[in-house]
Amino acid sequence: MRRLLIATTNRDKVREIAGVLAGVPYQLTTLDQWPEIPVPPEDAPTFIGNARAKACHYAHLTGELTVAEDSGLEIDALGGAPGVQSARFGGVSASYPDRFQLLYTALRAKGASGSPARFVCAVALVAGERMLFETTAALEGSIAPEPRGSGGFGYDPIFLYPPDQRTLAEMTAAEKAAISHRGQAFGALRRFLDEMHREGRDDGTDRKARKGGMDRKVR
């Protein structure tokens, strides 16, 4: 069975991704197998740009079929911030409660409490020198009046999902996976992987991606 490397150092993301991909005809592995590999910079201006760069980086250094993602929170009233800087907002050592307070302060200054917002997740799959698949998914919502819930991770406690007025941190893991940006994006990847395996194209050759990506050489 061919291996699939989940190329993230974030253990919470690994857990969520592995849950969505459970049962795919690939052996899931993580960067724990390659502790010596340096983490690449995430300096692209878009989520998909960072996802592509990370997938290419780890595929080149490990030789594995590799999937990487980049994700974050965009708040309309703050011009889309924190966006691609979500994991570094307020400084790399800032806690998420500290980041929440920075965001609430900025929103109050603009008179924009409860601003519309979205979570975005971009995913890229690379085999060797080929980009096999890429997609971007989003979950629309708004900023909660205050942090609520103890589940999830990251910005989940301040992201309100309008249909049932709960934050993502107030949902079970299964409820979150069914609607979330990451659940949507990796659900699309799961369908691609299943089809690629059924067609006997596990090496990715002559295979066209169907979600905005393409079978092309990585430059």
N, C-alpha and C. Protein backbone atom coordinates (compact mmCIF):
# COMPACT_ATOMS: atom_id res chain seq x y z
N MET A 1 0.85 -1.19 0.00
CA MET A 1 0.00 0.00 0.00
C MET A 1 0.89 1.25 0.00
N ARG A 2 0.60 2.16 -0.91
CA ARG A 2 1.41 3.37 -0.99
C ARG A 2 1.13 4.28 0.21
N ARG A 3 2.17 4.99 0.64
CA ARG A 3 2.02 5.88 1.78
C ARG A 3 1.59 7.27 1.31
N LEU A 4 0.88 7.97 2.19
CA LEU A 4 0.50 9.36 1.98
C LEU A 4 0.97 10.16 3.17
N LEU A 5 1.86 11.11 2.92
CA LEU A 5 2.41 11.95 3.98
C LEU A 5 1.49 13.14 4.22
N ILE A 6 1.02 13.28 5.47
CA ILE A 6 0.27 14.46 5.89
C ILE A 6 1.31 15.46 6.40
N ALA A 7 1.61 16.46 5.58
CA ALA A 7 2.77 17.34 5.84
C ALA A 7 2.37 18.57 6.64
N THR A 8 2.14 18.37 7.93
CA THR A 8 1.93 19.47 8.85
C THR A 8 2.55 19.11 10.18
N THR A 9 3.07 20.11 10.87
CA THR A 9 3.62 19.89 12.21
C THR A 9 2.57 20.16 13.29
N ASN A 10 1.37 20.55 12.88
CA ASN A 10 0.30 20.85 13.83
C ASN A 10 -0.47 19.56 14.14
N ARG A 11 -0.33 19.07 15.35
CA ARG A 11 -0.93 17.78 15.70
C ARG A 11 -2.46 17.83 15.69
N ASP A 12 -3.03 18.98 16.00
CA ASP A 12 -4.48 19.10 15.94
C ASP A 12 -4.96 18.95 14.50
N LYS A 13 -4.23 19.54 13.56
CA LYS A 13 -4.59 19.39 12.15
C LYS A 13 -4.40 17.94 11.70
N VAL A 14 -3.32 17.31 12.12
CA VAL A 14 -3.10 15.91 11.76
C VAL A 14 -4.29 15.06 12.21
N ARG A 15 -4.76 15.30 13.42
CA ARG A 15 -5.88 14.52 13.95
C ARG A 15 -7.14 14.73 13.10
N GLU A 16 -7.43 15.97 12.76
CA GLU A 16 -8.63 16.24 11.96
C GLU A 16 -8.50 15.66 10.55
N ILE A 17 -7.34 15.85 9.93
CA ILE A 17 -7.13 15.35 8.57
C ILE A 17 -7.21 13.83 8.53
N ALA A 18 -6.56 13.18 9.49
CA ALA A 18 -6.59 11.72 9.54
C ALA A 18 -8.00 11.21 9.73
N GLY A 19 -8.82 11.95 10.48
CA GLY A 19 -10.21 11.55 10.66
C GLY A 19 -10.99 11.60 9.36
N VAL A 20 -10.78 12.66 8.57
CA VAL A 20 -11.48 12.78 7.29
C VAL A 20 -11.00 11.72 6.30
N LEU A 21 -9.69 11.42 6.34
CA LEU A 21 -9.11 10.48 5.37
C LEU A 21 -9.13 9.03 5.84
N ALA A 22 -9.69 8.76 7.00
CA ALA A 22 -9.71 7.39 7.52
C ALA A 22 -10.34 6.45 6.50
N GLY A 23 -9.64 5.34 6.22
CA GLY A 23 -10.16 4.34 5.31
C GLY A 23 -9.74 4.50 3.87
N VAL A 24 -9.00 5.58 3.53
CA VAL A 24 -8.52 5.69 2.15
C VAL A 24 -7.51 4.57 1.90
N PRO A 25 -7.35 4.16 0.64
CA PRO A 25 -6.44 3.04 0.34
C PRO A 25 -4.98 3.46 0.29
N TYR A 26 -4.57 4.21 1.28
CA TYR A 26 -3.18 4.67 1.42
C TYR A 26 -2.82 4.57 2.89
N GLN A 27 -1.55 4.33 3.16
CA GLN A 27 -1.07 4.31 4.54
C GLN A 27 -0.70 5.73 4.94
N LEU A 28 -1.44 6.29 5.90
CA LEU A 28 -1.18 7.66 6.32
C LEU A 28 0.06 7.70 7.20
N THR A 29 0.92 8.67 6.92
CA THR A 29 2.11 8.87 7.74
C THR A 29 2.28 10.35 8.00
N THR A 30 3.15 10.69 8.96
CA THR A 30 3.31 12.09 9.37
C THR A 30 4.78 12.49 9.37
N LEU A 31 5.01 13.75 9.62
CA LEU A 31 6.38 14.26 9.64
C LEU A 31 7.20 13.77 10.83
N ASP A 32 6.56 13.07 11.75
CA ASP A 32 7.31 12.45 12.85
C ASP A 32 8.37 11.49 12.31
N GLN A 33 8.14 10.95 11.10
CA GLN A 33 9.10 10.03 10.49
C GLN A 33 10.34 10.74 9.96
N TRP A 34 10.26 12.07 9.82
CA TRP A 34 11.38 12.85 9.25
C TRP A 34 11.65 14.07 10.13
N PRO A 35 12.09 13.86 11.36
CA PRO A 35 12.28 15.00 12.28
C PRO A 35 13.40 15.94 11.84
N GLU A 36 14.28 15.47 10.95
CA GLU A 36 15.41 16.30 10.53
C GLU A 36 15.05 17.30 9.44
N ILE A 37 13.89 17.17 8.82
CA ILE A 37 13.53 18.05 7.71
C ILE A 37 13.13 19.43 8.25
N PRO A 38 13.72 20.50 7.73
CA PRO A 38 13.36 21.85 8.20
C PRO A 38 11.97 22.24 7.74
N VAL A 39 11.32 23.07 8.54
CA VAL A 39 10.01 23.59 8.18
C VAL A 39 10.19 24.71 7.16
N PRO A 40 9.47 24.68 6.05
CA PRO A 40 9.65 25.73 5.03
C PRO A 40 8.99 27.03 5.46
N PRO A 41 9.43 28.15 4.91
CA PRO A 41 8.75 29.42 5.20
C PRO A 41 7.35 29.42 4.60
N GLU A 42 6.46 30.15 5.25
CA GLU A 42 5.09 30.30 4.72
C GLU A 42 4.92 31.78 4.38
N ASP A 43 5.48 32.17 3.25
CA ASP A 43 5.52 33.59 2.89
C ASP A 43 4.75 33.92 1.62
N ALA A 44 3.93 32.99 1.14
CA ALA A 44 3.09 33.28 -0.02
C ALA A 44 1.93 34.18 0.42
N PRO A 45 1.39 34.99 -0.49
CA PRO A 45 0.29 35.89 -0.11
C PRO A 45 -1.08 35.21 -0.09
N THR A 46 -1.14 33.93 -0.48
CA THR A 46 -2.42 33.22 -0.52
C THR A 46 -2.30 31.88 0.19
N PHE A 47 -3.44 31.36 0.63
CA PHE A 47 -3.46 30.05 1.27
C PHE A 47 -2.99 28.96 0.30
N ILE A 48 -3.48 28.99 -0.93
CA ILE A 48 -3.10 27.95 -1.87
C ILE A 48 -1.62 28.04 -2.22
N GLY A 49 -1.08 29.25 -2.26
CA GLY A 49 0.35 29.39 -2.52
C GLY A 49 1.19 28.73 -1.44
N ASN A 50 0.80 28.91 -0.19
CA ASN A 50 1.53 28.27 0.91
C ASN A 50 1.35 26.76 0.90
N ALA A 51 0.13 26.30 0.60
CA ALA A 51 -0.11 24.86 0.54
C ALA A 51 0.74 24.21 -0.54
N ARG A 52 0.81 24.83 -1.71
CA ARG A 52 1.63 24.30 -2.80
C ARG A 52 3.10 24.23 -2.38
N ALA A 53 3.60 25.32 -1.80
CA ALA A 53 5.01 25.38 -1.44
C ALA A 53 5.37 24.30 -0.42
N LYS A 54 4.50 24.10 0.57
CA LYS A 54 4.78 23.09 1.59
C LYS A 54 4.71 21.67 1.01
N ALA A 55 3.73 21.42 0.17
CA ALA A 55 3.62 20.08 -0.43
C ALA A 55 4.83 19.77 -1.29
N CYS A 56 5.27 20.74 -2.08
CA CYS A 56 6.45 20.54 -2.93
C CYS A 56 7.70 20.32 -2.09
N HIS A 57 7.86 21.10 -1.06
CA HIS A 57 9.03 21.01 -0.17
C HIS A 57 9.15 19.61 0.43
N TYR A 58 8.07 19.13 1.03
CA TYR A 58 8.15 17.84 1.72
C TYR A 58 8.17 16.67 0.74
N ALA A 59 7.49 16.78 -0.39
CA ALA A 59 7.54 15.71 -1.38
C ALA A 59 8.95 15.55 -1.92
N HIS A 60 9.62 16.66 -2.16
CA HIS A 60 10.99 16.62 -2.69
C HIS A 60 11.95 15.98 -1.69
N LEU A 61 11.80 16.31 -0.41
CA LEU A 61 12.76 15.84 0.59
C LEU A 61 12.46 14.44 1.12
N THR A 62 11.24 13.95 0.94
CA THR A 62 10.90 12.62 1.45
C THR A 62 10.68 11.59 0.35
N GLY A 63 10.34 12.04 -0.84
CA GLY A 63 10.00 11.12 -1.92
C GLY A 63 8.61 10.51 -1.78
N GLU A 64 7.82 11.02 -0.85
CA GLU A 64 6.49 10.46 -0.60
C GLU A 64 5.40 11.22 -1.36
N LEU A 65 4.31 10.55 -1.64
CA LEU A 65 3.08 11.22 -2.04
C LEU A 65 2.69 12.11 -0.85
N THR A 66 2.56 13.41 -1.09
CA THR A 66 2.49 14.37 0.01
C THR A 66 1.31 15.31 -0.14
N VAL A 67 0.58 15.49 0.96
CA VAL A 67 -0.47 16.50 0.99
C VAL A 67 -0.14 17.54 2.05
N ALA A 68 -0.32 18.80 1.69
CA ALA A 68 -0.12 19.89 2.64
C ALA A 68 -1.32 20.83 2.56
N GLU A 69 -1.54 21.57 3.62
CA GLU A 69 -2.63 22.53 3.63
C GLU A 69 -2.17 23.84 4.25
N ASP A 70 -2.89 24.91 3.94
CA ASP A 70 -2.75 26.16 4.66
C ASP A 70 -4.15 26.67 4.92
N SER A 71 -4.36 27.18 6.11
CA SER A 71 -5.71 27.57 6.48
C SER A 71 -5.66 28.73 7.45
N GLY A 72 -6.80 29.41 7.59
CA GLY A 72 -6.84 30.53 8.50
C GLY A 72 -8.19 31.20 8.52
N LEU A 73 -8.26 32.26 9.29
CA LEU A 73 -9.49 33.01 9.53
C LEU A 73 -9.42 34.36 8.82
N GLU A 74 -10.45 34.67 8.05
CA GLU A 74 -10.58 35.97 7.40
C GLU A 74 -11.77 36.71 8.01
N ILE A 75 -11.54 37.92 8.49
CA ILE A 75 -12.60 38.73 9.09
C ILE A 75 -12.86 39.93 8.19
N ASP A 76 -14.08 40.07 7.72
CA ASP A 76 -14.40 41.10 6.74
C ASP A 76 -14.07 42.50 7.25
N ALA A 77 -14.47 42.81 8.48
CA ALA A 77 -14.28 44.16 9.00
C ALA A 77 -12.81 44.53 9.19
N LEU A 78 -11.94 43.54 9.18
CA LEU A 78 -10.50 43.78 9.33
C LEU A 78 -9.78 43.59 8.01
N GLY A 79 -10.51 43.71 6.92
CA GLY A 79 -9.90 43.60 5.60
C GLY A 79 -9.37 42.22 5.28
N GLY A 80 -9.97 41.19 5.90
CA GLY A 80 -9.53 39.82 5.67
C GLY A 80 -8.48 39.33 6.64
N ALA A 81 -8.03 40.18 7.56
CA ALA A 81 -7.07 39.75 8.59
C ALA A 81 -7.78 38.82 9.58
N PRO A 82 -7.02 37.94 10.22
CA PRO A 82 -5.57 37.72 10.10
C PRO A 82 -5.14 36.95 8.85
N GLY A 83 -6.06 36.29 8.16
CA GLY A 83 -5.75 35.67 6.87
C GLY A 83 -4.60 34.69 6.92
N VAL A 84 -3.66 34.83 5.95
CA VAL A 84 -2.55 33.89 5.89
C VAL A 84 -1.61 34.03 7.08
N GLN A 85 -1.77 35.09 7.86
CA GLN A 85 -0.97 35.27 9.07
C GLN A 85 -1.66 34.72 10.32
N SER A 86 -2.72 33.96 10.15
CA SER A 86 -3.50 33.49 11.29
C SER A 86 -2.67 32.80 12.36
N ALA A 87 -1.74 31.93 11.94
CA ALA A 87 -0.93 31.19 12.91
C ALA A 87 0.16 32.03 13.53
N ARG A 88 0.38 33.22 12.98
CA ARG A 88 1.44 34.10 13.48
C ARG A 88 0.91 35.44 13.97
N PHE A 89 -0.40 35.62 13.95
CA PHE A 89 -1.01 36.87 14.34
C PHE A 89 -0.68 37.20 15.80
N GLY A 90 -0.20 38.40 16.03
CA GLY A 90 0.20 38.80 17.38
C GLY A 90 1.56 38.30 17.79
N GLY A 91 2.27 37.63 16.86
CA GLY A 91 3.58 37.05 17.16
C GLY A 91 3.49 35.55 17.26
N VAL A 92 4.56 34.86 16.87
CA VAL A 92 4.52 33.40 16.83
C VAL A 92 4.33 32.78 18.20
N SER A 93 4.71 33.51 19.26
CA SER A 93 4.58 32.95 20.61
C SER A 93 3.28 33.36 21.30
N ALA A 94 2.44 34.14 20.63
CA ALA A 94 1.18 34.59 21.24
C ALA A 94 0.25 33.40 21.44
N SER A 95 -0.48 33.40 22.54
CA SER A 95 -1.48 32.36 22.78
C SER A 95 -2.75 32.72 22.01
N TYR A 96 -3.62 31.73 21.80
CA TYR A 96 -4.87 32.05 21.11
C TYR A 96 -5.77 32.97 21.93
N PRO A 97 -5.87 32.83 23.25
CA PRO A 97 -6.63 33.84 24.00
C PRO A 97 -6.09 35.26 23.79
N ASP A 98 -4.76 35.40 23.69
CA ASP A 98 -4.18 36.72 23.41
C ASP A 98 -4.62 37.21 22.03
N ARG A 99 -4.61 36.32 21.05
CA ARG A 99 -5.03 36.70 19.70
C ARG A 99 -6.51 37.07 19.68
N PHE A 100 -7.32 36.34 20.42
CA PHE A 100 -8.75 36.68 20.48
C PHE A 100 -8.92 38.12 20.96
N GLN A 101 -8.20 38.47 22.02
CA GLN A 101 -8.36 39.80 22.58
C GLN A 101 -7.89 40.88 21.59
N LEU A 102 -6.82 40.61 20.88
CA LEU A 102 -6.37 41.56 19.87
C LEU A 102 -7.43 41.77 18.80
N LEU A 103 -8.06 40.69 18.37
CA LEU A 103 -9.10 40.80 17.35
C LEU A 103 -10.33 41.51 17.88
N TYR A 104 -10.76 41.19 19.10
CA TYR A 104 -11.92 41.86 19.67
C TYR A 104 -11.66 43.36 19.85
N THR A 105 -10.45 43.71 20.27
CA THR A 105 -10.10 45.12 20.42
C THR A 105 -10.17 45.85 19.08
N ALA A 106 -9.63 45.21 18.04
CA ALA A 106 -9.65 45.82 16.71
C ALA A 106 -11.08 45.95 16.19
N LEU A 107 -11.92 44.96 16.44
CA LEU A 107 -13.30 45.02 15.98
C LEU A 107 -14.09 46.09 16.73
N ARG A 108 -13.88 46.21 18.04
CA ARG A 108 -14.57 47.26 18.80
C ARG A 108 -14.16 48.64 18.31
N ALA A 109 -12.88 48.80 17.98
CA ALA A 109 -12.41 50.10 17.49
C ALA A 109 -13.09 50.50 16.19
N LYS A 110 -13.51 49.53 15.43
CA LYS A 110 -14.19 49.79 14.16
C LYS A 110 -15.71 49.75 14.29
N GLY A 111 -16.20 49.48 15.51
CA GLY A 111 -17.63 49.35 15.70
C GLY A 111 -18.20 48.19 14.91
N ALA A 112 -17.43 47.11 14.83
CA ALA A 112 -17.81 46.01 13.94
C ALA A 112 -17.86 44.68 14.67
N SER A 113 -18.29 44.68 15.91
CA SER A 113 -18.44 43.41 16.62
C SER A 113 -19.42 42.52 15.87
N GLY A 114 -19.14 41.24 15.83
CA GLY A 114 -20.00 40.32 15.12
C GLY A 114 -19.79 40.33 13.62
N SER A 115 -18.66 40.84 13.18
CA SER A 115 -18.37 40.92 11.75
C SER A 115 -18.49 39.58 11.05
N PRO A 116 -18.99 39.57 9.81
CA PRO A 116 -18.90 38.34 9.01
C PRO A 116 -17.45 37.88 8.90
N ALA A 117 -17.28 36.59 8.83
CA ALA A 117 -15.94 36.02 8.76
C ALA A 117 -16.03 34.66 8.08
N ARG A 118 -14.87 34.12 7.74
CA ARG A 118 -14.86 32.78 7.15
C ARG A 118 -13.55 32.08 7.51
N PHE A 119 -13.64 30.78 7.61
CA PHE A 119 -12.46 29.94 7.68
C PHE A 119 -12.17 29.46 6.26
N VAL A 120 -10.89 29.46 5.88
CA VAL A 120 -10.46 29.02 4.55
C VAL A 120 -9.42 27.92 4.72
N CYS A 121 -9.51 26.89 3.88
CA CYS A 121 -8.51 25.83 3.86
C CYS A 121 -8.14 25.52 2.42
N ALA A 122 -6.86 25.59 2.11
CA ALA A 122 -6.34 25.23 0.78
C ALA A 122 -5.50 23.97 0.93
N VAL A 123 -5.66 23.05 -0.02
CA VAL A 123 -4.99 21.75 0.02
C VAL A 123 -4.27 21.51 -1.30
N ALA A 124 -3.06 20.97 -1.23
CA ALA A 124 -2.29 20.61 -2.43
C ALA A 124 -1.70 19.22 -2.24
N LEU A 125 -1.77 18.41 -3.30
CA LEU A 125 -1.24 17.05 -3.31
C LEU A 125 -0.15 16.95 -4.37
N VAL A 126 1.04 16.47 -3.97
CA VAL A 126 2.19 16.38 -4.87
C VAL A 126 2.77 14.98 -4.84
N ALA A 127 3.13 14.48 -6.01
CA ALA A 127 3.87 13.22 -6.13
C ALA A 127 5.09 13.51 -6.98
N GLY A 128 6.27 13.30 -6.41
CA GLY A 128 7.50 13.58 -7.15
C GLY A 128 7.57 15.03 -7.56
N GLU A 129 7.59 15.26 -8.87
CA GLU A 129 7.62 16.63 -9.38
C GLU A 129 6.27 17.04 -9.96
N ARG A 130 5.22 16.33 -9.58
CA ARG A 130 3.91 16.62 -10.16
C ARG A 130 2.90 17.08 -9.11
N MET A 131 2.24 18.19 -9.45
CA MET A 131 1.10 18.66 -8.66
C MET A 131 -0.12 17.92 -9.17
N LEU A 132 -0.69 17.05 -8.32
CA LEU A 132 -1.79 16.20 -8.76
C LEU A 132 -3.16 16.81 -8.50
N PHE A 133 -3.27 17.57 -7.43
CA PHE A 133 -4.59 18.02 -7.00
C PHE A 133 -4.44 19.24 -6.12
N GLU A 134 -5.38 20.17 -6.26
CA GLU A 134 -5.45 21.27 -5.31
C GLU A 134 -6.89 21.76 -5.23
N THR A 135 -7.26 22.26 -4.08
CA THR A 135 -8.60 22.79 -3.89
C THR A 135 -8.58 23.76 -2.73
N THR A 136 -9.58 24.63 -2.70
CA THR A 136 -9.76 25.56 -1.60
C THR A 136 -11.22 25.53 -1.18
N ALA A 137 -11.46 25.47 0.12
CA ALA A 137 -12.82 25.44 0.65
C ALA A 137 -12.96 26.49 1.75
N ALA A 138 -14.18 26.95 1.95
CA ALA A 138 -14.42 27.97 2.97
C ALA A 138 -15.69 27.66 3.75
N LEU A 139 -15.71 28.11 5.00
CA LEU A 139 -16.88 28.02 5.85
C LEU A 139 -17.25 29.43 6.27
N GLU A 140 -18.44 29.89 5.89
CA GLU A 140 -18.89 31.24 6.21
C GLU A 140 -19.51 31.28 7.60
N GLY A 141 -19.27 32.38 8.31
CA GLY A 141 -19.85 32.56 9.62
C GLY A 141 -19.66 33.98 10.10
N SER A 142 -19.51 34.15 11.39
CA SER A 142 -19.28 35.48 11.96
C SER A 142 -18.48 35.32 13.25
N ILE A 143 -18.03 36.45 13.78
CA ILE A 143 -17.27 36.42 15.03
C ILE A 143 -18.23 36.44 16.21
N ALA A 144 -18.08 35.48 17.11
CA ALA A 144 -18.95 35.36 18.27
C ALA A 144 -18.75 36.55 19.21
N PRO A 145 -19.78 36.91 20.01
CA PRO A 145 -19.64 38.02 20.95
C PRO A 145 -18.51 37.81 21.96
N GLU A 146 -18.22 36.56 22.28
CA GLU A 146 -17.13 36.20 23.18
C GLU A 146 -16.73 34.76 22.89
N PRO A 147 -15.54 34.36 23.27
CA PRO A 147 -15.12 32.97 23.04
C PRO A 147 -16.02 32.00 23.79
N ARG A 148 -16.39 30.90 23.10
CA ARG A 148 -17.25 29.90 23.72
C ARG A 148 -16.82 28.52 23.27
N GLY A 149 -16.85 27.57 24.21
CA GLY A 149 -16.58 26.18 23.89
C GLY A 149 -15.16 25.76 24.21
N SER A 150 -15.00 24.46 24.42
CA SER A 150 -13.68 23.92 24.78
C SER A 150 -13.18 22.91 23.78
N GLY A 151 -13.91 22.68 22.71
CA GLY A 151 -13.47 21.73 21.69
C GLY A 151 -12.65 22.41 20.62
N GLY A 152 -12.25 21.62 19.63
CA GLY A 152 -11.50 22.18 18.51
C GLY A 152 -10.16 22.76 18.92
N PHE A 153 -9.70 23.74 18.15
CA PHE A 153 -8.43 24.39 18.44
C PHE A 153 -8.36 25.69 17.67
N GLY A 154 -7.28 26.43 17.87
CA GLY A 154 -7.09 27.68 17.13
C GLY A 154 -8.20 28.69 17.39
N TYR A 155 -8.77 29.23 16.32
CA TYR A 155 -9.80 30.27 16.43
C TYR A 155 -11.21 29.71 16.57
N ASP A 156 -11.36 28.41 16.74
CA ASP A 156 -12.69 27.80 16.82
C ASP A 156 -13.61 28.45 17.87
N PRO A 157 -13.08 28.85 19.06
CA PRO A 157 -14.00 29.40 20.07
C PRO A 157 -14.63 30.74 19.69
N ILE A 158 -14.07 31.46 18.71
CA ILE A 158 -14.65 32.77 18.37
C ILE A 158 -15.37 32.75 17.03
N PHE A 159 -15.44 31.58 16.39
CA PHE A 159 -16.10 31.49 15.08
C PHE A 159 -17.49 30.91 15.24
N LEU A 160 -18.49 31.75 14.96
CA LEU A 160 -19.88 31.36 15.13
C LEU A 160 -20.45 30.84 13.82
N TYR A 161 -21.04 29.65 13.87
CA TYR A 161 -21.67 29.04 12.69
C TYR A 161 -23.15 29.41 12.71
N PRO A 162 -23.61 30.24 11.78
CA PRO A 162 -24.96 30.82 11.88
C PRO A 162 -26.12 29.84 11.97
N PRO A 163 -26.14 28.70 11.24
CA PRO A 163 -27.35 27.86 11.27
C PRO A 163 -27.79 27.42 12.67
N ASP A 164 -26.84 27.17 13.57
CA ASP A 164 -27.29 26.76 14.91
C ASP A 164 -26.70 27.62 16.03
N GLN A 165 -26.05 28.74 15.63
CA GLN A 165 -25.56 29.71 16.61
C GLN A 165 -24.63 29.10 17.64
N ARG A 166 -23.83 28.13 17.20
CA ARG A 166 -22.77 27.60 18.04
C ARG A 166 -21.43 27.94 17.42
N THR A 167 -20.41 28.07 18.27
CA THR A 167 -19.06 28.18 17.74
C THR A 167 -18.57 26.79 17.36
N LEU A 168 -17.51 26.74 16.55
CA LEU A 168 -16.95 25.44 16.20
C LEU A 168 -16.43 24.71 17.43
N ALA A 169 -16.01 25.48 18.45
CA ALA A 169 -15.50 24.87 19.68
C ALA A 169 -16.59 24.27 20.54
N GLU A 170 -17.87 24.56 20.21
CA GLU A 170 -18.99 23.98 20.93
C GLU A 170 -19.53 22.72 20.25
N MET A 171 -18.92 22.35 19.13
CA MET A 171 -19.36 21.18 18.38
C MET A 171 -18.50 19.97 18.71
N THR A 172 -19.05 18.79 18.45
CA THR A 172 -18.24 17.58 18.53
C THR A 172 -17.30 17.54 17.34
N ALA A 173 -16.30 16.69 17.41
CA ALA A 173 -15.36 16.57 16.29
C ALA A 173 -16.08 16.16 15.01
N ALA A 174 -17.06 15.27 15.13
CA ALA A 174 -17.79 14.81 13.95
C ALA A 174 -18.66 15.92 13.37
N GLU A 175 -19.31 16.69 14.23
CA GLU A 175 -20.13 17.81 13.75
C GLU A 175 -19.27 18.84 13.03
N LYS A 176 -18.12 19.16 13.60
CA LYS A 176 -17.23 20.12 12.97
C LYS A 176 -16.73 19.61 11.63
N ALA A 177 -16.30 18.36 11.58
CA ALA A 177 -15.75 17.80 10.34
C ALA A 177 -16.77 17.82 9.22
N ALA A 178 -18.06 17.68 9.55
CA ALA A 178 -19.11 17.62 8.54
C ALA A 178 -19.32 18.94 7.81
N ILE A 179 -18.92 20.06 8.45
CA ILE A 179 -19.18 21.37 7.84
C ILE A 179 -17.94 22.21 7.61
N SER A 180 -16.85 21.89 8.28
CA SER A 180 -15.72 22.81 8.34
C SER A 180 -15.00 22.96 7.00
N HIS A 181 -14.24 24.04 6.93
CA HIS A 181 -13.39 24.29 5.77
C HIS A 181 -12.43 23.14 5.52
N ARG A 182 -11.83 22.62 6.59
CA ARG A 182 -10.88 21.52 6.45
C ARG A 182 -11.60 20.23 6.07
N GLY A 183 -12.76 20.00 6.67
CA GLY A 183 -13.54 18.83 6.31
C GLY A 183 -13.95 18.83 4.85
N GLN A 184 -14.37 19.99 4.34
CA GLN A 184 -14.75 20.11 2.94
C GLN A 184 -13.56 19.86 2.01
N ALA A 185 -12.44 20.51 2.30
CA ALA A 185 -11.27 20.41 1.42
C ALA A 185 -10.71 18.99 1.41
N PHE A 186 -10.58 18.38 2.57
CA PHE A 186 -10.02 17.03 2.61
C PHE A 186 -11.05 15.98 2.20
N GLY A 187 -12.32 16.31 2.29
CA GLY A 187 -13.33 15.42 1.72
C GLY A 187 -13.18 15.35 0.21
N ALA A 188 -12.90 16.51 -0.42
CA ALA A 188 -12.66 16.53 -1.86
C ALA A 188 -11.39 15.74 -2.20
N LEU A 189 -10.35 15.89 -1.39
CA LEU A 189 -9.13 15.13 -1.61
C LEU A 189 -9.39 13.64 -1.46
N ARG A 190 -10.18 13.27 -0.48
CA ARG A 190 -10.49 11.85 -0.27
C ARG A 190 -11.14 11.25 -1.51
N ARG A 191 -12.08 11.97 -2.11
CA ARG A 191 -12.74 11.47 -3.33
C ARG A 191 -11.73 11.33 -4.47
N PHE A 192 -10.82 12.28 -4.57
CA PHE A 192 -9.78 12.21 -5.60
C PHE A 192 -8.87 11.01 -5.39
N LEU A 193 -8.45 10.78 -4.16
CA LEU A 193 -7.57 9.65 -3.86
C LEU A 193 -8.25 8.32 -4.14
N ASP A 194 -9.52 8.22 -3.76
CA ASP A 194 -10.25 6.97 -4.02
C ASP A 194 -10.33 6.70 -5.52
N GLU A 195 -10.61 7.73 -6.31
CA GLU A 195 -10.71 7.56 -7.75
C GLU A 195 -9.36 7.25 -8.37
N MET A 196 -8.32 7.93 -7.90
CA MET A 196 -6.98 7.69 -8.43
C MET A 196 -6.56 6.24 -8.17
N HIS A 197 -6.91 5.73 -6.98
CA HIS A 197 -6.56 4.35 -6.64
C HIS A 197 -7.36 3.37 -7.50
N ARG A 198 -8.64 3.63 -7.68
CA ARG A 198 -9.47 2.73 -8.50
C ARG A 198 -8.95 2.65 -9.93
N GLU A 199 -8.42 3.74 -10.43
CA GLU A 199 -7.92 3.77 -11.80
C GLU A 199 -6.49 3.25 -11.91
N GLY A 200 -5.90 2.85 -10.77
CA GLY A 200 -4.55 2.32 -10.80
C GLY A 200 -3.50 3.36 -11.10
N ARG A 201 -3.75 4.60 -10.70
CA ARG A 201 -2.82 5.70 -10.98
C ARG A 201 -2.16 6.20 -9.70
N ASP A 202 -1.79 5.29 -8.82
CA ASP A 202 -1.24 5.71 -7.54
C ASP A 202 0.09 6.43 -7.65
N ASP A 203 0.73 6.36 -8.82
CA ASP A 203 1.96 7.13 -9.01
C ASP A 203 1.67 8.51 -9.55
N GLY A 204 0.39 8.79 -9.84
CA GLY A 204 -0.01 10.11 -10.29
C GLY A 204 0.23 10.38 -11.76
N THR A 205 0.72 9.42 -12.54
CA THR A 205 1.04 9.68 -13.93
C THR A 205 -0.21 9.83 -14.76
N ASP A 206 -0.16 10.76 -15.68
CA ASP A 206 -1.24 10.99 -16.64
C ASP A 206 -2.59 11.18 -15.97
N ARG A 207 -2.58 11.82 -14.83
CA ARG A 207 -3.81 11.98 -14.06
C ARG A 207 -4.16 13.45 -13.98
N LYS A 208 -5.40 13.81 -14.28
CA LYS A 208 -5.84 15.19 -14.22
C LYS A 208 -6.63 15.43 -12.93
N ALA A 209 -6.25 16.46 -12.20
CA ALA A 209 -7.01 16.83 -11.01
C ALA A 209 -8.31 17.49 -11.44
N ARG A 210 -9.33 17.42 -10.55
CA ARG A 210 -10.65 17.90 -10.94
C ARG A 210 -11.16 19.04 -10.08
N LYS A 211 -10.32 19.59 -9.22
CA LYS A 211 -10.80 20.64 -8.33
C LYS A 211 -9.91 21.87 -8.45
N GLY A 212 -9.59 22.22 -9.65
CA GLY A 212 -8.80 23.43 -9.85
C GLY A 212 -7.32 23.16 -9.97
N GLY A 213 -6.90 21.92 -9.71
CA GLY A 213 -5.50 21.59 -9.86
C GLY A 213 -5.24 20.98 -11.21
N MET A 214 -4.01 20.60 -11.46
CA MET A 214 -3.69 19.95 -12.72
C MET A 214 -2.48 19.07 -12.53
N ASP A 215 -2.41 18.06 -13.37
CA ASP A 215 -1.23 17.19 -13.37
C ASP A 215 -0.14 17.91 -14.14
N ARG A 216 0.77 18.51 -13.42
CA ARG A 216 1.81 19.29 -14.06
C ARG A 216 3.07 19.23 -13.25
N LYS A 217 4.20 19.53 -13.89
CA LYS A 217 5.46 19.51 -13.17
C LYS A 217 5.56 20.70 -12.20
N VAL A 218 6.13 20.44 -11.04
CA VAL A 218 6.37 21.48 -10.07
C VAL A 218 7.60 22.26 -10.51
N ARG A 219 7.48 23.57 -10.50
CA ARG A 219 8.60 24.43 -10.89
C ARG A 219 9.27 24.99 -9.67
